[in-house]
Amino acid sequence: MDINHILRNFNEDLQNSNSLTFPICVDSFTNYWSTEFGSLDELPKEVDQLIAKRGLELGLLEEEINQ
């Protein structure tokens, strides 16, 4: 399975999500990843960044300010 293809599809799904479908999209992706790769241990760091970025855009997450 091409990881770049999976990540592109996930990014597209995230961009098409709204505040209601965002959590479903993330759950669906993590379930798929776990099934394909056995666990979330090898999840690329890019996935966290994509989730955080979209969560911020949708107002579901607050940006942490480091002091």
C-alpha atoms as a PDB file:
ATOM      1  CA  MET A   1       0.000   0.000   0.000  1.00  0.00           C
ATOM      2  CA  ASP A   2       1.355   3.426  -0.980  1.00  0.00           C
ATOM      3  CA  ILE A   3       1.534   5.518   2.189  1.00  0.00           C
ATOM      4  CA  ASN A   4       1.684   8.776   0.228  1.00  0.00           C
ATOM      5  CA  HIS A   5      -1.553   7.853  -1.532  1.00  0.00           C
ATOM      6  CA  ILE A   6      -3.216   7.060   1.795  1.00  0.00           C
ATOM      7  CA  LEU A   7      -2.068  10.377   3.260  1.00  0.00           C
ATOM      8  CA  ARG A   8      -3.262  12.334   0.216  1.00  0.00           C
ATOM      9  CA  ASN A   9      -6.685  10.718   0.457  1.00  0.00           C
ATOM     10  CA  PHE A  10      -6.851  11.414   4.180  1.00  0.00           C
ATOM     11  CA  ASN A  11      -5.906  15.049   3.615  1.00  0.00           C
ATOM     12  CA  GLU A  12      -8.653  15.368   0.990  1.00  0.00           C
ATOM     13  CA  ASP A  13     -11.155  13.804   3.380  1.00  0.00           C
ATOM     14  CA  LEU A  14     -10.102  16.223   6.119  1.00  0.00           C
ATOM     15  CA  GLN A  15     -10.452  19.213   3.812  1.00  0.00           C
ATOM     16  CA  ASN A  16     -13.971  18.096   2.910  1.00  0.00           C
ATOM     17  CA  SER A  17     -14.925  17.579   6.541  1.00  0.00           C
ATOM     18  CA  ASN A  18     -16.859  19.956   8.741  1.00  0.00           C
ATOM     19  CA  SER A  19     -17.099  20.244  12.507  1.00  0.00           C
ATOM     20  CA  LEU A  20     -19.516  17.302  12.644  1.00  0.00           C
ATOM     21  CA  THR A  21     -17.741  14.959  10.234  1.00  0.00           C
ATOM     22  CA  PHE A  22     -14.172  15.770  11.302  1.00  0.00           C
ATOM     23  CA  PRO A  23     -14.103  13.322  14.260  1.00  0.00           C
ATOM     24  CA  ILE A  24     -15.651  10.602  12.100  1.00  0.00           C
ATOM     25  CA  CYS A  25     -13.034  11.193   9.426  1.00  0.00           C
ATOM     26  CA  VAL A  26     -10.192  10.915  11.946  1.00  0.00           C
ATOM     27  CA  ASP A  27     -11.667   7.771  13.531  1.00  0.00           C
ATOM     28  CA  SER A  28     -12.168   6.181  10.143  1.00  0.00           C
ATOM     29  CA  PHE A  29      -8.585   6.905   9.131  1.00  0.00           C
ATOM     30  CA  THR A  30      -7.076   5.578  12.363  1.00  0.00           C
ATOM     31  CA  ASN A  31      -9.197   2.426  12.120  1.00  0.00           C
ATOM     32  CA  TYR A  32      -8.062   1.920   8.537  1.00  0.00           C
ATOM     33  CA  TRP A  33      -4.416   2.529   9.441  1.00  0.00           C
ATOM     34  CA  SER A  34      -4.592   0.080  12.343  1.00  0.00           C
ATOM     35  CA  THR A  35      -6.110  -2.557  10.090  1.00  0.00           C
ATOM     36  CA  GLU A  36      -3.547  -2.070   7.317  1.00  0.00           C
ATOM     37  CA  PHE A  37      -0.432  -1.663   9.457  1.00  0.00           C
ATOM     38  CA  GLY A  38      -1.339  -3.431  12.696  1.00  0.00           C
ATOM     39  CA  SER A  39      -1.093  -0.420  15.008  1.00  0.00           C
ATOM     40  CA  LEU A  40      -0.753   3.336  15.155  1.00  0.00           C
ATOM     41  CA  ASP A  41       2.881   3.080  16.277  1.00  0.00           C
ATOM     42  CA  GLU A  42       4.286   3.907  12.848  1.00  0.00           C
ATOM     43  CA  LEU A  43       1.806   6.674  12.086  1.00  0.00           C
ATOM     44  CA  PRO A  44       3.679   9.445  10.242  1.00  0.00           C
ATOM     45  CA  LYS A  45       4.089  12.730  12.117  1.00  0.00           C
ATOM     46  CA  GLU A  46       2.397  14.388   9.147  1.00  0.00           C
ATOM     47  CA  VAL A  47      -0.916  12.855  10.236  1.00  0.00           C
ATOM     48  CA  ASP A  48      -0.822  14.690  13.576  1.00  0.00           C
ATOM     49  CA  GLN A  49      -0.043  17.907  11.747  1.00  0.00           C
ATOM     50  CA  LEU A  50      -2.920  17.435   9.278  1.00  0.00           C
ATOM     51  CA  ILE A  51      -5.375  16.696  12.088  1.00  0.00           C
ATOM     52  CA  ALA A  52      -4.231  19.647  14.186  1.00  0.00           C
ATOM     53  CA  LYS A  53      -4.316  22.053  11.244  1.00  0.00           C
ATOM     54  CA  ARG A  54      -7.849  21.107  10.244  1.00  0.00           C
ATOM     55  CA  GLY A  55      -9.030  21.048  13.854  1.00  0.00           C
ATOM     56  CA  LEU A  56      -7.770  24.616  14.251  1.00  0.00           C
ATOM     57  CA  GLU A  57      -9.418  25.696  10.993  1.00  0.00           C
ATOM     58  CA  LEU A  58     -12.747  24.301  12.155  1.00  0.00           C
ATOM     59  CA  GLY A  59     -12.415  25.883  15.592  1.00  0.00           C
ATOM     60  CA  LEU A  60     -12.381  22.497  17.295  1.00  0.00           C
ATOM     61  CA  LEU A  61      -8.907  23.000  18.749  1.00  0.00           C
ATOM     62  CA  GLU A  62      -7.271  25.999  20.310  1.00  0.00           C
ATOM     63  CA  GLU A  63      -3.747  26.930  19.403  1.00  0.00           C
ATOM     64  CA  GLU A  64      -1.417  26.564  22.357  1.00  0.00           C
ATOM     65  CA  ILE A  65       0.777  29.573  22.974  1.00  0.00           C
ATOM     66  CA  ASN A  66       4.215  28.669  24.289  1.00  0.00           C
ATOM     67  CA  GLN A  67       5.549  31.168  26.794  1.00  0.00           C
END
